[in-house]
Amino acid sequence: MLMDLRASYDAGRTQELITRWQDCEMLVLDEFGLSGGGRDEEPMLYQVLADRYDHRRPTIITSNLEIGALREVLGFRLLNRLGE
């Protein structure tokens, strides 16, 4: 996901990718937190996940991070939403 997002900057396709991830039937993020996002990418990830939550679209996140580290990556509000 992050590689696609970074590649989209030069091509001007960032919003297209975000919309695709928001609207897909099911989003699976495997090994979440393995590759850290930059400061610009965190709001985009939040935008995708918050929209999916708001529209009740299924999202699966797998990670080896402990809950405290996951909270740091996702933030309390988003982690709380995903826990619902």
PDB file of N, CA and C in Angstrom:
ATOM      1  N   MET A   1       0.827  -1.189   0.000  1.00  0.00           N
ATOM      2  CA  MET A   1       0.000   0.000   0.000  1.00  0.00           C
ATOM      3  C   MET A   1       0.874   1.256   0.000  1.00  0.00           C
ATOM      4  N   LEU A   2       1.863   1.268   0.885  1.00  0.00           N
ATOM      5  CA  LEU A   2       2.731   2.440   0.960  1.00  0.00           C
ATOM      6  C   LEU A   2       3.560   2.610  -0.306  1.00  0.00           C
ATOM      7  N   MET A   3       4.005   1.508  -0.894  1.00  0.00           N
ATOM      8  CA  MET A   3       4.780   1.605  -2.139  1.00  0.00           C
ATOM      9  C   MET A   3       3.912   2.183  -3.255  1.00  0.00           C
ATOM     10  N   ASP A   4       2.670   1.722  -3.351  1.00  0.00           N
ATOM     11  CA  ASP A   4       1.759   2.261  -4.362  1.00  0.00           C
ATOM     12  C   ASP A   4       1.482   3.741  -4.114  1.00  0.00           C
ATOM     13  N   LEU A   5       1.300   4.089  -2.859  1.00  0.00           N
ATOM     14  CA  LEU A   5       1.028   5.480  -2.512  1.00  0.00           C
ATOM     15  C   LEU A   5       2.213   6.370  -2.887  1.00  0.00           C
ATOM     16  N   ARG A   6       3.408   5.935  -2.543  1.00  0.00           N
ATOM     17  CA  ARG A   6       4.602   6.725  -2.860  1.00  0.00           C
ATOM     18  C   ARG A   6       4.804   6.853  -4.374  1.00  0.00           C
ATOM     19  N   ALA A   7       4.503   5.787  -5.110  1.00  0.00           N
ATOM     20  CA  ALA A   7       4.637   5.835  -6.567  1.00  0.00           C
ATOM     21  C   ALA A   7       3.594   6.751  -7.193  1.00  0.00           C
ATOM     22  N   SER A   8       2.479   6.960  -6.514  1.00  0.00           N
ATOM     23  CA  SER A   8       1.399   7.774  -7.073  1.00  0.00           C
ATOM     24  C   SER A   8       1.691   9.271  -7.021  1.00  0.00           C
ATOM     25  N   TYR A   9       2.627   9.690  -6.194  1.00  0.00           N
ATOM     26  CA  TYR A   9       2.902  11.126  -6.048  1.00  0.00           C
ATOM     27  C   TYR A   9       3.299  11.757  -7.378  1.00  0.00           C
ATOM     28  N   ASP A  10       4.247  11.149  -8.070  1.00  0.00           N
ATOM     29  CA  ASP A  10       4.723  11.711  -9.336  1.00  0.00           C
ATOM     30  C   ASP A  10       3.679  11.600 -10.443  1.00  0.00           C
ATOM     31  N   ALA A  11       2.863  10.556 -10.376  1.00  0.00           N
ATOM     32  CA  ALA A  11       1.868  10.333 -11.423  1.00  0.00           C
ATOM     33  C   ALA A  11       0.577  11.116 -11.175  1.00  0.00           C
ATOM     34  N   GLY A  12       0.465  11.747 -10.007  1.00  0.00           N
ATOM     35  CA  GLY A  12      -0.741  12.509  -9.696  1.00  0.00           C
ATOM     36  C   GLY A  12      -1.967  11.636  -9.501  1.00  0.00           C
ATOM     37  N   ARG A  13      -1.764  10.410  -8.993  1.00  0.00           N
ATOM     38  CA  ARG A  13      -2.864   9.460  -8.828  1.00  0.00           C
ATOM     39  C   ARG A  13      -3.188   9.187  -7.374  1.00  0.00           C
ATOM     40  N   THR A  14      -2.708  10.011  -6.466  1.00  0.00           N
ATOM     41  CA  THR A  14      -2.864   9.736  -5.039  1.00  0.00           C
ATOM     42  C   THR A  14      -4.327   9.648  -4.634  1.00  0.00           C
ATOM     43  N   GLN A  15      -5.137  10.618  -5.004  1.00  0.00           N
ATOM     44  CA  GLN A  15      -6.545  10.597  -4.615  1.00  0.00           C
ATOM     45  C   GLN A  15      -7.276   9.412  -5.235  1.00  0.00           C
ATOM     46  N   GLU A  16      -6.897   9.034  -6.436  1.00  0.00           N
ATOM     47  CA  GLU A  16      -7.493   7.858  -7.086  1.00  0.00           C
ATOM     48  C   GLU A  16      -7.242   6.598  -6.262  1.00  0.00           C
ATOM     49  N   LEU A  17      -6.017   6.432  -5.760  1.00  0.00           N
ATOM     50  CA  LEU A  17      -5.698   5.277  -4.923  1.00  0.00           C
ATOM     51  C   LEU A  17      -6.466   5.305  -3.613  1.00  0.00           C
ATOM     52  N   ILE A  18      -6.494   6.459  -2.979  1.00  0.00           N
ATOM     53  CA  ILE A  18      -7.209   6.591  -1.709  1.00  0.00           C
ATOM     54  C   ILE A  18      -8.674   6.204  -1.890  1.00  0.00           C
ATOM     55  N   THR A  19      -9.290   6.697  -2.945  1.00  0.00           N
ATOM     56  CA  THR A  19     -10.694   6.382  -3.222  1.00  0.00           C
ATOM     57  C   THR A  19     -10.880   4.895  -3.478  1.00  0.00           C
ATOM     58  N   ARG A  20      -9.951   4.288  -4.201  1.00  0.00           N
ATOM     59  CA  ARG A  20     -10.047   2.851  -4.486  1.00  0.00           C
ATOM     60  C   ARG A  20      -9.981   2.045  -3.196  1.00  0.00           C
ATOM     61  N   TRP A  21      -9.074   2.419  -2.299  1.00  0.00           N
ATOM     62  CA  TRP A  21      -8.943   1.711  -1.026  1.00  0.00           C
ATOM     63  C   TRP A  21     -10.148   1.962  -0.117  1.00  0.00           C
ATOM     64  N   GLN A  22     -10.705   3.156  -0.185  1.00  0.00           N
ATOM     65  CA  GLN A  22     -11.889   3.444   0.619  1.00  0.00           C
ATOM     66  C   GLN A  22     -13.087   2.622   0.153  1.00  0.00           C
ATOM     67  N   ASP A  23     -13.208   2.428  -1.149  1.00  0.00           N
ATOM     68  CA  ASP A  23     -14.401   1.819  -1.727  1.00  0.00           C
ATOM     69  C   ASP A  23     -14.315   0.317  -1.968  1.00  0.00           C
ATOM     70  N   CYS A  24     -13.140  -0.285  -1.839  1.00  0.00           N
ATOM     71  CA  CYS A  24     -13.044  -1.717  -2.146  1.00  0.00           C
ATOM     72  C   CYS A  24     -13.893  -2.533  -1.165  1.00  0.00           C
ATOM     73  N   GLU A  25     -14.317  -3.697  -1.636  1.00  0.00           N
ATOM     74  CA  GLU A  25     -15.228  -4.532  -0.860  1.00  0.00           C
ATOM     75  C   GLU A  25     -14.640  -4.907   0.501  1.00  0.00           C
ATOM     76  N   MET A  26     -13.380  -5.310   0.516  1.00  0.00           N
ATOM     77  CA  MET A  26     -12.693  -5.622   1.770  1.00  0.00           C
ATOM     78  C   MET A  26     -11.232  -5.204   1.633  1.00  0.00           C
ATOM     79  N   LEU A  27     -10.719  -4.542   2.651  1.00  0.00           N
ATOM     80  CA  LEU A  27      -9.321  -4.109   2.658  1.00  0.00           C
ATOM     81  C   LEU A  27      -8.570  -4.940   3.695  1.00  0.00           C
ATOM     82  N   VAL A  28      -7.471  -5.547   3.276  1.00  0.00           N
ATOM     83  CA  VAL A  28      -6.635  -6.326   4.180  1.00  0.00           C
ATOM     84  C   VAL A  28      -5.246  -5.702   4.185  1.00  0.00           C
ATOM     85  N   LEU A  29      -4.812  -5.286   5.359  1.00  0.00           N
ATOM     86  CA  LEU A  29      -3.464  -4.744   5.536  1.00  0.00           C
ATOM     87  C   LEU A  29      -2.676  -5.777   6.337  1.00  0.00           C
ATOM     88  N   ASP A  30      -1.812  -6.492   5.651  1.00  0.00           N
ATOM     89  CA  ASP A  30      -1.031  -7.564   6.261  1.00  0.00           C
ATOM     90  C   ASP A  30       0.300  -7.010   6.740  1.00  0.00           C
ATOM     91  N   GLU A  31       0.746  -7.504   7.893  1.00  0.00           N
ATOM     92  CA  GLU A  31       2.022  -7.062   8.469  1.00  0.00           C
ATOM     93  C   GLU A  31       2.028  -5.544   8.684  1.00  0.00           C
ATOM     94  N   PHE A  32       0.920  -5.012   9.152  1.00  0.00           N
ATOM     95  CA  PHE A  32       0.797  -3.580   9.370  1.00  0.00           C
ATOM     96  C   PHE A  32       1.857  -3.104  10.363  1.00  0.00           C
ATOM     97  N   GLY A  33       2.490  -1.999  10.047  1.00  0.00           N
ATOM     98  CA  GLY A  33       3.513  -1.431  10.913  1.00  0.00           C
ATOM     99  C   GLY A  33       4.907  -1.915  10.604  1.00  0.00           C
ATOM    100  N   LEU A  34       5.038  -2.877   9.703  1.00  0.00           N
ATOM    101  CA  LEU A  34       6.360  -3.390   9.338  1.00  0.00           C
ATOM    102  C   LEU A  34       7.170  -2.311   8.626  1.00  0.00           C
ATOM    103  N   SER A  35       6.505  -1.579   7.746  1.00  0.00           N
ATOM    104  CA  SER A  35       7.134  -0.476   7.025  1.00  0.00           C
ATOM    105  C   SER A  35       6.451   0.804   7.464  1.00  0.00           C
ATOM    106  N   GLY A  36       7.179   1.640   8.148  1.00  0.00           N
ATOM    107  CA  GLY A  36       6.594   2.858   8.677  1.00  0.00           C
ATOM    108  C   GLY A  36       6.269   3.868   7.593  1.00  0.00           C
ATOM    109  N   GLY A  37       5.163   4.541   7.768  1.00  0.00           N
ATOM    110  CA  GLY A  37       4.778   5.603   6.852  1.00  0.00           C
ATOM    111  C   GLY A  37       5.378   6.924   7.301  1.00  0.00           C
ATOM    112  N   GLY A  38       5.448   7.841   6.389  1.00  0.00           N
ATOM    113  CA  GLY A  38       5.944   9.166   6.725  1.00  0.00           C
ATOM    114  C   GLY A  38       4.826  10.035   7.252  1.00  0.00           C
ATOM    115  N   ARG A  39       5.174  11.227   7.663  1.00  0.00           N
ATOM    116  CA  ARG A  39       4.175  12.149   8.212  1.00  0.00           C
ATOM    117  C   ARG A  39       3.082  12.479   7.202  1.00  0.00           C
ATOM    118  N   ASP A  40       3.425  12.524   5.927  1.00  0.00           N
ATOM    119  CA  ASP A  40       2.418  12.813   4.902  1.00  0.00           C
ATOM    120  C   ASP A  40       1.487  11.625   4.682  1.00  0.00           C
ATOM    121  N   GLU A  41       1.982  10.434   4.931  1.00  0.00           N
ATOM    122  CA  GLU A  41       1.193   9.236   4.656  1.00  0.00           C
ATOM    123  C   GLU A  41       0.237   8.884   5.788  1.00  0.00           C
ATOM    124  N   GLU A  42       0.542   9.272   7.008  1.00  0.00           N
ATOM    125  CA  GLU A  42      -0.333   8.967   8.139  1.00  0.00           C
ATOM    126  C   GLU A  42      -1.731   9.561   7.962  1.00  0.00           C
ATOM    127  N   PRO A  43      -1.862  10.839   7.561  1.00  0.00           N
ATOM    128  CA  PRO A  43      -3.218  11.369   7.354  1.00  0.00           C
ATOM    129  C   PRO A  43      -3.967  10.656   6.230  1.00  0.00           C
ATOM    130  N   MET A  44      -3.247  10.207   5.215  1.00  0.00           N
ATOM    131  CA  MET A  44      -3.901   9.486   4.121  1.00  0.00           C
ATOM    132  C   MET A  44      -4.404   8.130   4.598  1.00  0.00           C
ATOM    133  N   LEU A  45      -3.622   7.446   5.413  1.00  0.00           N
ATOM    134  CA  LEU A  45      -4.047   6.176   5.985  1.00  0.00           C
ATOM    135  C   LEU A  45      -5.276   6.401   6.868  1.00  0.00           C
ATOM    136  N   TYR A  46      -5.239   7.437   7.672  1.00  0.00           N
ATOM    137  CA  TYR A  46      -6.388   7.759   8.517  1.00  0.00           C
ATOM    138  C   TYR A  46      -7.620   8.035   7.654  1.00  0.00           C
ATOM    139  N   GLN A  47      -7.430   8.765   6.582  1.00  0.00           N
ATOM    140  CA  GLN A  47      -8.536   9.090   5.672  1.00  0.00           C
ATOM    141  C   GLN A  47      -9.170   7.812   5.118  1.00  0.00           C
ATOM    142  N   VAL A  48      -8.345   6.854   4.724  1.00  0.00           N
ATOM    143  CA  VAL A  48      -8.846   5.590   4.177  1.00  0.00           C
ATOM    144  C   VAL A  48      -9.589   4.808   5.259  1.00  0.00           C
ATOM    145  N   LEU A  49      -8.946   4.607   6.398  1.00  0.00           N
ATOM    146  CA  LEU A  49      -9.531   3.767   7.431  1.00  0.00           C
ATOM    147  C   LEU A  49     -10.756   4.396   8.077  1.00  0.00           C
ATOM    148  N   ALA A  50     -10.738   5.703   8.290  1.00  0.00           N
ATOM    149  CA  ALA A  50     -11.898   6.378   8.881  1.00  0.00           C
ATOM    150  C   ALA A  50     -13.096   6.325   7.942  1.00  0.00           C
ATOM    151  N   ASP A  51     -12.858   6.505   6.652  1.00  0.00           N
ATOM    152  CA  ASP A  51     -13.948   6.421   5.678  1.00  0.00           C
ATOM    153  C   ASP A  51     -14.533   5.017   5.647  1.00  0.00           C
ATOM    154  N   ARG A  52     -13.671   4.017   5.697  1.00  0.00           N
ATOM    155  CA  ARG A  52     -14.156   2.636   5.691  1.00  0.00           C
ATOM    156  C   ARG A  52     -14.988   2.373   6.943  1.00  0.00           C
ATOM    157  N   TYR A  53     -14.551   2.883   8.059  1.00  0.00           N
ATOM    158  CA  TYR A  53     -15.303   2.724   9.303  1.00  0.00           C
ATOM    159  C   TYR A  53     -16.666   3.411   9.185  1.00  0.00           C
ATOM    160  N   ASP A  54     -16.663   4.641   8.707  1.00  0.00           N
ATOM    161  CA  ASP A  54     -17.907   5.410   8.585  1.00  0.00           C
ATOM    162  C   ASP A  54     -18.919   4.739   7.668  1.00  0.00           C
ATOM    163  N   HIS A  55     -18.431   4.030   6.644  1.00  0.00           N
ATOM    164  CA  HIS A  55     -19.319   3.369   5.686  1.00  0.00           C
ATOM    165  C   HIS A  55     -19.463   1.867   5.952  1.00  0.00           C
ATOM    166  N   ARG A  56     -18.977   1.445   7.114  1.00  0.00           N
ATOM    167  CA  ARG A  56     -19.117   0.047   7.564  1.00  0.00           C
ATOM    168  C   ARG A  56     -18.571  -0.966   6.553  1.00  0.00           C
ATOM    169  N   ARG A  57     -17.421  -0.633   5.995  1.00  0.00           N
ATOM    170  CA  ARG A  57     -16.759  -1.567   5.076  1.00  0.00           C
ATOM    171  C   ARG A  57     -15.746  -2.392   5.863  1.00  0.00           C
ATOM    172  N   PRO A  58     -15.691  -3.684   5.616  1.00  0.00           N
ATOM    173  CA  PRO A  58     -14.785  -4.540   6.389  1.00  0.00           C
ATOM    174  C   PRO A  58     -13.309  -4.248   6.098  1.00  0.00           C
ATOM    175  N   THR A  59     -12.547  -4.221   7.180  1.00  0.00           N
ATOM    176  CA  THR A  59     -11.109  -3.996   7.100  1.00  0.00           C
ATOM    177  C   THR A  59     -10.434  -4.971   8.054  1.00  0.00           C
ATOM    178  N   ILE A  60      -9.428  -5.668   7.576  1.00  0.00           N
ATOM    179  CA  ILE A  60      -8.663  -6.591   8.404  1.00  0.00           C
ATOM    180  C   ILE A  60      -7.234  -6.087   8.459  1.00  0.00           C
ATOM    181  N   ILE A  61      -6.706  -5.995   9.666  1.00  0.00           N
ATOM    182  CA  ILE A  61      -5.322  -5.568   9.855  1.00  0.00           C
ATOM    183  C   ILE A  61      -4.612  -6.644  10.657  1.00  0.00           C
ATOM    184  N   THR A  62      -3.525  -7.165  10.110  1.00  0.00           N
ATOM    185  CA  THR A  62      -2.688  -8.090  10.861  1.00  0.00           C
ATOM    186  C   THR A  62      -1.386  -7.380  11.195  1.00  0.00           C
ATOM    187  N   SER A  63      -0.858  -7.686  12.369  1.00  0.00           N
ATOM    188  CA  SER A  63       0.367  -7.035  12.799  1.00  0.00           C
ATOM    189  C   SER A  63       1.007  -7.844  13.916  1.00  0.00           C
ATOM    190  N   ASN A  64       2.311  -7.747  14.009  1.00  0.00           N
ATOM    191  CA  ASN A  64       3.026  -8.337  15.130  1.00  0.00           C
ATOM    192  C   ASN A  64       3.310  -7.295  16.214  1.00  0.00           C
ATOM    193  N   LEU A  65       2.813  -6.087  16.000  1.00  0.00           N
ATOM    194  CA  LEU A  65       3.020  -5.033  16.986  1.00  0.00           C
ATOM    195  C   LEU A  65       2.181  -5.291  18.230  1.00  0.00           C
ATOM    196  N   GLU A  66       2.720  -4.945  19.387  1.00  0.00           N
ATOM    197  CA  GLU A  66       1.936  -4.993  20.610  1.00  0.00           C
ATOM    198  C   GLU A  66       0.950  -3.830  20.575  1.00  0.00           C
ATOM    199  N   ILE A  67      -0.076  -3.896  21.401  1.00  0.00           N
ATOM    200  CA  ILE A  67      -1.153  -2.915  21.359  1.00  0.00           C
ATOM    201  C   ILE A  67      -0.639  -1.486  21.564  1.00  0.00           C
ATOM    202  N   GLY A  68       0.338  -1.295  22.412  1.00  0.00           N
ATOM    203  CA  GLY A  68       0.890   0.047  22.639  1.00  0.00           C
ATOM    204  C   GLY A  68       1.552   0.611  21.396  1.00  0.00           C
ATOM    205  N   ALA A  69       2.315  -0.223  20.702  1.00  0.00           N
ATOM    206  CA  ALA A  69       2.971   0.212  19.471  1.00  0.00           C
ATOM    207  C   ALA A  69       1.951   0.448  18.366  1.00  0.00           C
ATOM    208  N   LEU A  70       0.923  -0.391  18.318  1.00  0.00           N
ATOM    209  CA  LEU A  70      -0.134  -0.217  17.331  1.00  0.00           C
ATOM    210  C   LEU A  70      -0.885   1.091  17.571  1.00  0.00           C
ATOM    211  N   ARG A  71      -1.096   1.417  18.844  1.00  0.00           N
ATOM    212  CA  ARG A  71      -1.753   2.682  19.199  1.00  0.00           C
ATOM    213  C   ARG A  71      -0.914   3.874  18.725  1.00  0.00           C
ATOM    214  N   GLU A  72       0.402   3.753  18.834  1.00  0.00           N
ATOM    215  CA  GLU A  72       1.283   4.831  18.371  1.00  0.00           C
ATOM    216  C   GLU A  72       1.174   5.022  16.867  1.00  0.00           C
ATOM    217  N   VAL A  73       1.081   3.928  16.126  1.00  0.00           N
ATOM    218  CA  VAL A  73       1.017   3.992  14.672  1.00  0.00           C
ATOM    219  C   VAL A  73      -0.343   4.505  14.210  1.00  0.00           C
ATOM    220  N   LEU A  74      -1.413   3.967  14.787  1.00  0.00           N
ATOM    221  CA  LEU A  74      -2.758   4.312  14.340  1.00  0.00           C
ATOM    222  C   LEU A  74      -3.353   5.520  15.061  1.00  0.00           C
ATOM    223  N   GLY A  75      -2.942   5.737  16.291  1.00  0.00           N
ATOM    224  CA  GLY A  75      -3.565   6.769  17.104  1.00  0.00           C
ATOM    225  C   GLY A  75      -4.745   6.167  17.862  1.00  0.00           C
ATOM    226  N   PHE A  76      -5.067   6.750  19.003  1.00  0.00           N
ATOM    227  CA  PHE A  76      -6.098   6.197  19.870  1.00  0.00           C
ATOM    228  C   PHE A  76      -7.467   6.163  19.198  1.00  0.00           C
ATOM    229  N   ARG A  77      -7.858   7.263  18.545  1.00  0.00           N
ATOM    230  CA  ARG A  77      -9.209   7.330  17.948  1.00  0.00           C
ATOM    231  C   ARG A  77      -9.406   6.252  16.894  1.00  0.00           C
ATOM    232  N   LEU A  78      -8.441   6.111  16.012  1.00  0.00           N
ATOM    233  CA  LEU A  78      -8.584   5.130  14.927  1.00  0.00           C
ATOM    234  C   LEU A  78      -8.522   3.716  15.471  1.00  0.00           C
ATOM    235  N   LEU A  79      -7.633   3.448  16.418  1.00  0.00           N
ATOM    236  CA  LEU A  79      -7.540   2.111  17.013  1.00  0.00           C
ATOM    237  C   LEU A  79      -8.855   1.775  17.709  1.00  0.00           C
ATOM    238  N   ASN A  80      -9.448   2.724  18.385  1.00  0.00           N
ATOM    239  CA  ASN A  80     -10.718   2.506  19.056  1.00  0.00           C
ATOM    240  C   ASN A  80     -11.827   2.178  18.040  1.00  0.00           C
ATOM    241  N   ARG A  81     -11.852   2.891  16.938  1.00  0.00           N
ATOM    242  CA  ARG A  81     -12.845   2.621  15.906  1.00  0.00           C
ATOM    243  C   ARG A  81     -12.671   1.231  15.323  1.00  0.00           C
ATOM    244  N   LEU A  82     -11.429   0.855  15.057  1.00  0.00           N
ATOM    245  CA  LEU A  82     -11.173  -0.460  14.473  1.00  0.00           C
ATOM    246  C   LEU A  82     -11.524  -1.576  15.437  1.00  0.00           C
ATOM    247  N   GLY A  83     -11.449  -1.293  16.724  1.00  0.00           N
ATOM    248  CA  GLY A  83     -11.801  -2.287  17.731  1.00  0.00           C
ATOM    249  C   GLY A  83     -13.285  -2.563  17.805  1.00  0.00           C
ATOM    250  N   GLU A  84     -14.090  -1.681  17.247  1.00  0.00           N
ATOM    251  CA  GLU A  84     -15.537  -1.892  17.272  1.00  0.00           C
ATOM    252  C   GLU A  84     -15.849  -2.956  16.295  1.00  0.00           C
TER     253      GLU A  84
END
